[in-house]
Amino acid sequence: MALPRFAVGSKENMALRGTHIMSDGWASYAHSDQINGGIYSHSVIIHDRNFVDPLDDRIHTQSIEGT
């Protein structure tokens, strides 16, 4: 699920419990896995380093920019 940056403060109202959030390392997403007692999982891809997680190619942010 791609969340627009302006929705950061309300992501707990936009994503279902158990959603896996993949972000680009923007500081406001840093603790996404701790919201509401940890109902989300969170992976981070830092574009300066990788566009795809080198350990899991399912974790990427290629489609985030276009949503």
PDB file of N, CA and C in Angstrom:
ATOM      1  N   MET A   1       0.846  -1.171   0.000  1.00  0.00           N
ATOM      2  CA  MET A   1       0.000   0.000   0.000  1.00  0.00           C
ATOM      3  C   MET A   1       0.888   1.230   0.000  1.00  0.00           C
ATOM      4  N   ALA A   2       0.736   2.090  -0.945  1.00  0.00           N
ATOM      5  CA  ALA A   2       1.515   3.323  -0.995  1.00  0.00           C
ATOM      6  C   ALA A   2       0.760   4.426  -0.267  1.00  0.00           C
ATOM      7  N   LEU A   3       1.418   5.034   0.694  1.00  0.00           N
ATOM      8  CA  LEU A   3       0.824   6.143   1.432  1.00  0.00           C
ATOM      9  C   LEU A   3       1.513   7.428   1.017  1.00  0.00           C
ATOM     10  N   PRO A   4       0.752   8.434   0.616  1.00  0.00           N
ATOM     11  CA  PRO A   4       1.389   9.699   0.266  1.00  0.00           C
ATOM     12  C   PRO A   4       2.025  10.340   1.485  1.00  0.00           C
ATOM     13  N   ARG A   5       3.088  11.098   1.279  1.00  0.00           N
ATOM     14  CA  ARG A   5       3.799  11.692   2.408  1.00  0.00           C
ATOM     15  C   ARG A   5       2.916  12.579   3.265  1.00  0.00           C
ATOM     16  N   PHE A   6       1.939  13.257   2.690  1.00  0.00           N
ATOM     17  CA  PHE A   6       1.089  14.124   3.493  1.00  0.00           C
ATOM     18  C   PHE A   6       0.209  13.336   4.443  1.00  0.00           C
ATOM     19  N   ALA A   7       0.131  12.025   4.264  1.00  0.00           N
ATOM     20  CA  ALA A   7      -0.733  11.191   5.098  1.00  0.00           C
ATOM     21  C   ALA A   7       0.004  10.571   6.275  1.00  0.00           C
ATOM     22  N   VAL A   8       1.234  10.965   6.506  1.00  0.00           N
ATOM     23  CA  VAL A   8       2.046  10.323   7.536  1.00  0.00           C
ATOM     24  C   VAL A   8       1.350  10.293   8.878  1.00  0.00           C
ATOM     25  N   GLY A   9       0.771  11.381   9.314  1.00  0.00           N
ATOM     26  CA  GLY A   9       0.132  11.438  10.621  1.00  0.00           C
ATOM     27  C   GLY A   9      -1.113  10.595  10.725  1.00  0.00           C
ATOM     28  N   SER A  10      -1.647  10.151   9.600  1.00  0.00           N
ATOM     29  CA  SER A  10      -2.892   9.403   9.642  1.00  0.00           C
ATOM     30  C   SER A  10      -2.765   8.002   9.062  1.00  0.00           C
ATOM     31  N   LYS A  11      -1.541   7.492   8.946  1.00  0.00           N
ATOM     32  CA  LYS A  11      -1.401   6.170   8.323  1.00  0.00           C
ATOM     33  C   LYS A  11      -2.119   5.081   9.100  1.00  0.00           C
ATOM     34  N   GLU A  12      -2.259   5.250  10.431  1.00  0.00           N
ATOM     35  CA  GLU A  12      -2.995   4.241  11.183  1.00  0.00           C
ATOM     36  C   GLU A  12      -4.468   4.242  10.828  1.00  0.00           C
ATOM     37  N   ASN A  13      -4.963   5.308  10.196  1.00  0.00           N
ATOM     38  CA  ASN A  13      -6.351   5.360   9.751  1.00  0.00           C
ATOM     39  C   ASN A  13      -6.503   4.907   8.303  1.00  0.00           C
ATOM     40  N   MET A  14      -5.397   4.736   7.588  1.00  0.00           N
ATOM     41  CA  MET A  14      -5.446   4.417   6.165  1.00  0.00           C
ATOM     42  C   MET A  14      -5.037   2.981   5.851  1.00  0.00           C
ATOM     43  N   ALA A  15      -4.298   2.337   6.714  1.00  0.00           N
ATOM     44  CA  ALA A  15      -3.775   1.002   6.420  1.00  0.00           C
ATOM     45  C   ALA A  15      -4.371  -0.021   7.381  1.00  0.00           C
ATOM     46  N   LEU A  16      -4.622  -1.209   6.883  1.00  0.00           N
ATOM     47  CA  LEU A  16      -5.189  -2.280   7.697  1.00  0.00           C
ATOM     48  C   LEU A  16      -4.153  -2.867   8.646  1.00  0.00           C
ATOM     49  N   ARG A  17      -4.614  -3.362   9.773  1.00  0.00           N
ATOM     50  CA  ARG A  17      -3.758  -4.079  10.720  1.00  0.00           C
ATOM     51  C   ARG A  17      -3.025  -5.179   9.960  1.00  0.00           C
ATOM     52  N   GLY A  18      -1.736  -5.316  10.208  1.00  0.00           N
ATOM     53  CA  GLY A  18      -0.937  -6.337   9.542  1.00  0.00           C
ATOM     54  C   GLY A  18      -0.312  -5.893   8.229  1.00  0.00           C
ATOM     55  N   THR A  19      -0.610  -4.675   7.790  1.00  0.00           N
ATOM     56  CA  THR A  19      -0.031  -4.160   6.549  1.00  0.00           C
ATOM     57  C   THR A  19       1.487  -4.079   6.669  1.00  0.00           C
ATOM     58  N   HIS A  20       2.179  -4.457   5.608  1.00  0.00           N
ATOM     59  CA  HIS A  20       3.635  -4.314   5.566  1.00  0.00           C
ATOM     60  C   HIS A  20       3.943  -3.024   4.825  1.00  0.00           C
ATOM     61  N   ILE A  21       4.536  -2.063   5.517  1.00  0.00           N
ATOM     62  CA  ILE A  21       4.856  -0.763   4.942  1.00  0.00           C
ATOM     63  C   ILE A  21       6.283  -0.791   4.421  1.00  0.00           C
ATOM     64  N   MET A  22       6.468  -0.361   3.170  1.00  0.00           N
ATOM     65  CA  MET A  22       7.802  -0.219   2.590  1.00  0.00           C
ATOM     66  C   MET A  22       8.004   1.261   2.328  1.00  0.00           C
ATOM     67  N   SER A  23       9.033   1.833   2.933  1.00  0.00           N
ATOM     68  CA  SER A  23       9.250   3.271   2.775  1.00  0.00           C
ATOM     69  C   SER A  23      10.654   3.559   2.274  1.00  0.00           C
ATOM     70  N   ASP A  24      10.851   4.826   1.934  1.00  0.00           N
ATOM     71  CA  ASP A  24      12.127   5.258   1.369  1.00  0.00           C
ATOM     72  C   ASP A  24      13.055   5.870   2.407  1.00  0.00           C
ATOM     73  N   GLY A  25      12.802   5.658   3.668  1.00  0.00           N
ATOM     74  CA  GLY A  25      13.691   6.145   4.709  1.00  0.00           C
ATOM     75  C   GLY A  25      13.386   7.544   5.192  1.00  0.00           C
ATOM     76  N   TRP A  26      12.295   8.127   4.723  1.00  0.00           N
ATOM     77  CA  TRP A  26      11.902   9.448   5.192  1.00  0.00           C
ATOM     78  C   TRP A  26      11.708   9.375   6.699  1.00  0.00           C
ATOM     79  N   ALA A  27      12.250  10.309   7.442  1.00  0.00           N
ATOM     80  CA  ALA A  27      12.301  10.254   8.907  1.00  0.00           C
ATOM     81  C   ALA A  27      10.936  10.049   9.558  1.00  0.00           C
ATOM     82  N   SER A  28       9.889  10.584   8.998  1.00  0.00           N
ATOM     83  CA  SER A  28       8.560  10.450   9.608  1.00  0.00           C
ATOM     84  C   SER A  28       8.039   9.021   9.587  1.00  0.00           C
ATOM     85  N   TYR A  29       8.602   8.177   8.736  1.00  0.00           N
ATOM     86  CA  TYR A  29       8.190   6.774   8.689  1.00  0.00           C
ATOM     87  C   TYR A  29       9.032   5.881   9.603  1.00  0.00           C
ATOM     88  N   ALA A  30      10.010   6.429  10.275  1.00  0.00           N
ATOM     89  CA  ALA A  30      11.000   5.643  11.019  1.00  0.00           C
ATOM     90  C   ALA A  30      10.397   4.671  12.023  1.00  0.00           C
ATOM     91  N   HIS A  31       9.314   5.025  12.659  1.00  0.00           N
ATOM     92  CA  HIS A  31       8.739   4.170  13.699  1.00  0.00           C
ATOM     93  C   HIS A  31       7.376   3.603  13.292  1.00  0.00           C
ATOM     94  N   SER A  32       7.173   3.408  12.009  1.00  0.00           N
ATOM     95  CA  SER A  32       5.895   2.891  11.515  1.00  0.00           C
ATOM     96  C   SER A  32       5.538   1.545  12.124  1.00  0.00           C
ATOM     97  N   ASP A  33       6.541   0.745  12.430  1.00  0.00           N
ATOM     98  CA  ASP A  33       6.276  -0.581  12.995  1.00  0.00           C
ATOM     99  C   ASP A  33       5.893  -0.523  14.471  1.00  0.00           C
ATOM    100  N   GLN A  34       5.872   0.665  15.071  1.00  0.00           N
ATOM    101  CA  GLN A  34       5.523   0.804  16.487  1.00  0.00           C
ATOM    102  C   GLN A  34       4.164   1.466  16.710  1.00  0.00           C
ATOM    103  N   ILE A  35       3.488   1.878  15.647  1.00  0.00           N
ATOM    104  CA  ILE A  35       2.188   2.539  15.768  1.00  0.00           C
ATOM    105  C   ILE A  35       1.155   1.558  16.308  1.00  0.00           C
ATOM    106  N   ASN A  36       0.321   2.042  17.198  1.00  0.00           N
ATOM    107  CA  ASN A  36      -0.769   1.236  17.768  1.00  0.00           C
ATOM    108  C   ASN A  36      -0.287  -0.120  18.275  1.00  0.00           C
ATOM    109  N   GLY A  37       0.838  -0.122  18.950  1.00  0.00           N
ATOM    110  CA  GLY A  37       1.345  -1.356  19.539  1.00  0.00           C
ATOM    111  C   GLY A  37       1.998  -2.300  18.551  1.00  0.00           C
ATOM    112  N   GLY A  38       2.403  -1.805  17.402  1.00  0.00           N
ATOM    113  CA  GLY A  38       3.126  -2.642  16.441  1.00  0.00           C
ATOM    114  C   GLY A  38       2.242  -3.445  15.519  1.00  0.00           C
ATOM    115  N   ILE A  39       1.144  -2.846  15.040  1.00  0.00           N
ATOM    116  CA  ILE A  39       0.231  -3.591  14.166  1.00  0.00           C
ATOM    117  C   ILE A  39       0.697  -3.636  12.716  1.00  0.00           C
ATOM    118  N   TYR A  40       1.788  -2.919  12.385  1.00  0.00           N
ATOM    119  CA  TYR A  40       2.346  -2.919  11.037  1.00  0.00           C
ATOM    120  C   TYR A  40       3.767  -3.457  11.077  1.00  0.00           C
ATOM    121  N   SER A  41       4.215  -4.026   9.965  1.00  0.00           N
ATOM    122  CA  SER A  41       5.634  -4.316   9.804  1.00  0.00           C
ATOM    123  C   SER A  41       6.183  -3.263   8.845  1.00  0.00           C
ATOM    124  N   HIS A  42       7.489  -3.061   8.861  1.00  0.00           N
ATOM    125  CA  HIS A  42       8.063  -1.945   8.115  1.00  0.00           C
ATOM    126  C   HIS A  42       9.432  -2.321   7.566  1.00  0.00           C
ATOM    127  N   SER A  43       9.626  -2.099   6.287  1.00  0.00           N
ATOM    128  CA  SER A  43      10.930  -2.265   5.643  1.00  0.00           C
ATOM    129  C   SER A  43      11.323  -0.929   5.043  1.00  0.00           C
ATOM    130  N   VAL A  44      12.619  -0.651   5.056  1.00  0.00           N
ATOM    131  CA  VAL A  44      13.124   0.628   4.562  1.00  0.00           C
ATOM    132  C   VAL A  44      14.135   0.379   3.450  1.00  0.00           C
ATOM    133  N   ILE A  45      13.989   1.125   2.376  1.00  0.00           N
ATOM    134  CA  ILE A  45      14.966   1.127   1.298  1.00  0.00           C
ATOM    135  C   ILE A  45      15.499   2.549   1.191  1.00  0.00           C
ATOM    136  N   ILE A  46      16.797   2.726   1.370  1.00  0.00           N
ATOM    137  CA  ILE A  46      17.439   4.027   1.236  1.00  0.00           C
ATOM    138  C   ILE A  46      17.921   4.146  -0.206  1.00  0.00           C
ATOM    139  N   HIS A  47      17.339   5.062  -0.966  1.00  0.00           N
ATOM    140  CA  HIS A  47      17.648   5.160  -2.397  1.00  0.00           C
ATOM    141  C   HIS A  47      19.110   5.457  -2.682  1.00  0.00           C
ATOM    142  N   ASP A  48      19.803   6.090  -1.759  1.00  0.00           N
ATOM    143  CA  ASP A  48      21.234   6.339  -1.967  1.00  0.00           C
ATOM    144  C   ASP A  48      22.036   5.042  -1.975  1.00  0.00           C
ATOM    145  N   ARG A  49      21.470   3.993  -1.377  1.00  0.00           N
ATOM    146  CA  ARG A  49      22.163   2.700  -1.277  1.00  0.00           C
ATOM    147  C   ARG A  49      21.600   1.667  -2.243  1.00  0.00           C
ATOM    148  N   ASN A  50      20.262   1.537  -2.282  1.00  0.00           N
ATOM    149  CA  ASN A  50      19.597   0.508  -3.086  1.00  0.00           C
ATOM    150  C   ASN A  50      18.208   0.975  -3.487  1.00  0.00           C
ATOM    151  N   PHE A  51      17.704   0.412  -4.575  1.00  0.00           N
ATOM    152  CA  PHE A  51      16.296   0.575  -4.911  1.00  0.00           C
ATOM    153  C   PHE A  51      15.530  -0.691  -4.555  1.00  0.00           C
ATOM    154  N   VAL A  52      16.250  -1.783  -4.397  1.00  0.00           N
ATOM    155  CA  VAL A  52      15.678  -3.070  -4.025  1.00  0.00           C
ATOM    156  C   VAL A  52      16.520  -3.630  -2.895  1.00  0.00           C
ATOM    157  N   ASP A  53      15.867  -4.198  -1.884  1.00  0.00           N
ATOM    158  CA  ASP A  53      16.588  -4.797  -0.763  1.00  0.00           C
ATOM    159  C   ASP A  53      17.466  -5.925  -1.298  1.00  0.00           C
ATOM    160  N   PRO A  54      18.766  -5.901  -1.039  1.00  0.00           N
ATOM    161  CA  PRO A  54      19.650  -6.940  -1.574  1.00  0.00           C
ATOM    162  C   PRO A  54      19.375  -8.334  -1.004  1.00  0.00           C
ATOM    163  N   LEU A  55      18.666  -8.412   0.113  1.00  0.00           N
ATOM    164  CA  LEU A  55      18.361  -9.708   0.721  1.00  0.00           C
ATOM    165  C   LEU A  55      16.966 -10.221   0.380  1.00  0.00           C
ATOM    166  N   ASP A  56      16.097  -9.337  -0.125  1.00  0.00           N
ATOM    167  CA  ASP A  56      14.719  -9.736  -0.429  1.00  0.00           C
ATOM    168  C   ASP A  56      14.196  -8.848  -1.558  1.00  0.00           C
ATOM    169  N   ASP A  57      14.165  -9.353  -2.780  1.00  0.00           N
ATOM    170  CA  ASP A  57      13.782  -8.520  -3.919  1.00  0.00           C
ATOM    171  C   ASP A  57      12.302  -8.160  -3.947  1.00  0.00           C
ATOM    172  N   ARG A  58      11.527  -8.667  -2.994  1.00  0.00           N
ATOM    173  CA  ARG A  58      10.128  -8.249  -2.881  1.00  0.00           C
ATOM    174  C   ARG A  58      10.002  -6.903  -2.178  1.00  0.00           C
ATOM    175  N   ILE A  59      11.085  -6.474  -1.524  1.00  0.00           N
ATOM    176  CA  ILE A  59      11.080  -5.206  -0.799  1.00  0.00           C
ATOM    177  C   ILE A  59      11.759  -4.160  -1.664  1.00  0.00           C
ATOM    178  N   HIS A  60      10.948  -3.255  -2.192  1.00  0.00           N
ATOM    179  CA  HIS A  60      11.464  -2.192  -3.053  1.00  0.00           C
ATOM    180  C   HIS A  60      10.516  -1.004  -2.991  1.00  0.00           C
ATOM    181  N   THR A  61      10.975   0.104  -3.503  1.00  0.00           N
ATOM    182  CA  THR A  61      10.139   1.306  -3.516  1.00  0.00           C
ATOM    183  C   THR A  61       9.932   1.808  -4.934  1.00  0.00           C
ATOM    184  N   GLN A  62      10.108   0.957  -5.909  1.00  0.00           N
ATOM    185  CA  GLN A  62      10.003   1.376  -7.300  1.00  0.00           C
ATOM    186  C   GLN A  62       8.635   1.962  -7.642  1.00  0.00           C
ATOM    187  N   SER A  63       7.561   1.465  -7.062  1.00  0.00           N
ATOM    188  CA  SER A  63       6.232   1.960  -7.424  1.00  0.00           C
ATOM    189  C   SER A  63       5.732   3.065  -6.504  1.00  0.00           C
ATOM    190  N   ILE A  64       6.426   3.350  -5.415  1.00  0.00           N
ATOM    191  CA  ILE A  64       5.965   4.376  -4.480  1.00  0.00           C
ATOM    192  C   ILE A  64       5.945   5.746  -5.130  1.00  0.00           C
ATOM    193  N   GLU A  65       6.992   6.092  -5.876  1.00  0.00           N
ATOM    194  CA  GLU A  65       7.109   7.432  -6.438  1.00  0.00           C
ATOM    195  C   GLU A  65       5.983   7.752  -7.412  1.00  0.00           C
ATOM    196  N   GLY A  66       5.413   6.754  -8.042  1.00  0.00           N
ATOM    197  CA  GLY A  66       4.381   7.000  -9.040  1.00  0.00           C
ATOM    198  C   GLY A  66       2.964   7.025  -8.510  1.00  0.00           C
ATOM    199  N   THR A  67       2.770   6.857  -7.219  1.00  0.00           N
ATOM    200  CA  THR A  67       1.409   6.817  -6.683  1.00  0.00           C
ATOM    201  C   THR A  67       1.014   8.115  -6.056  1.00  0.00           C
TER     202      THR A  67
END
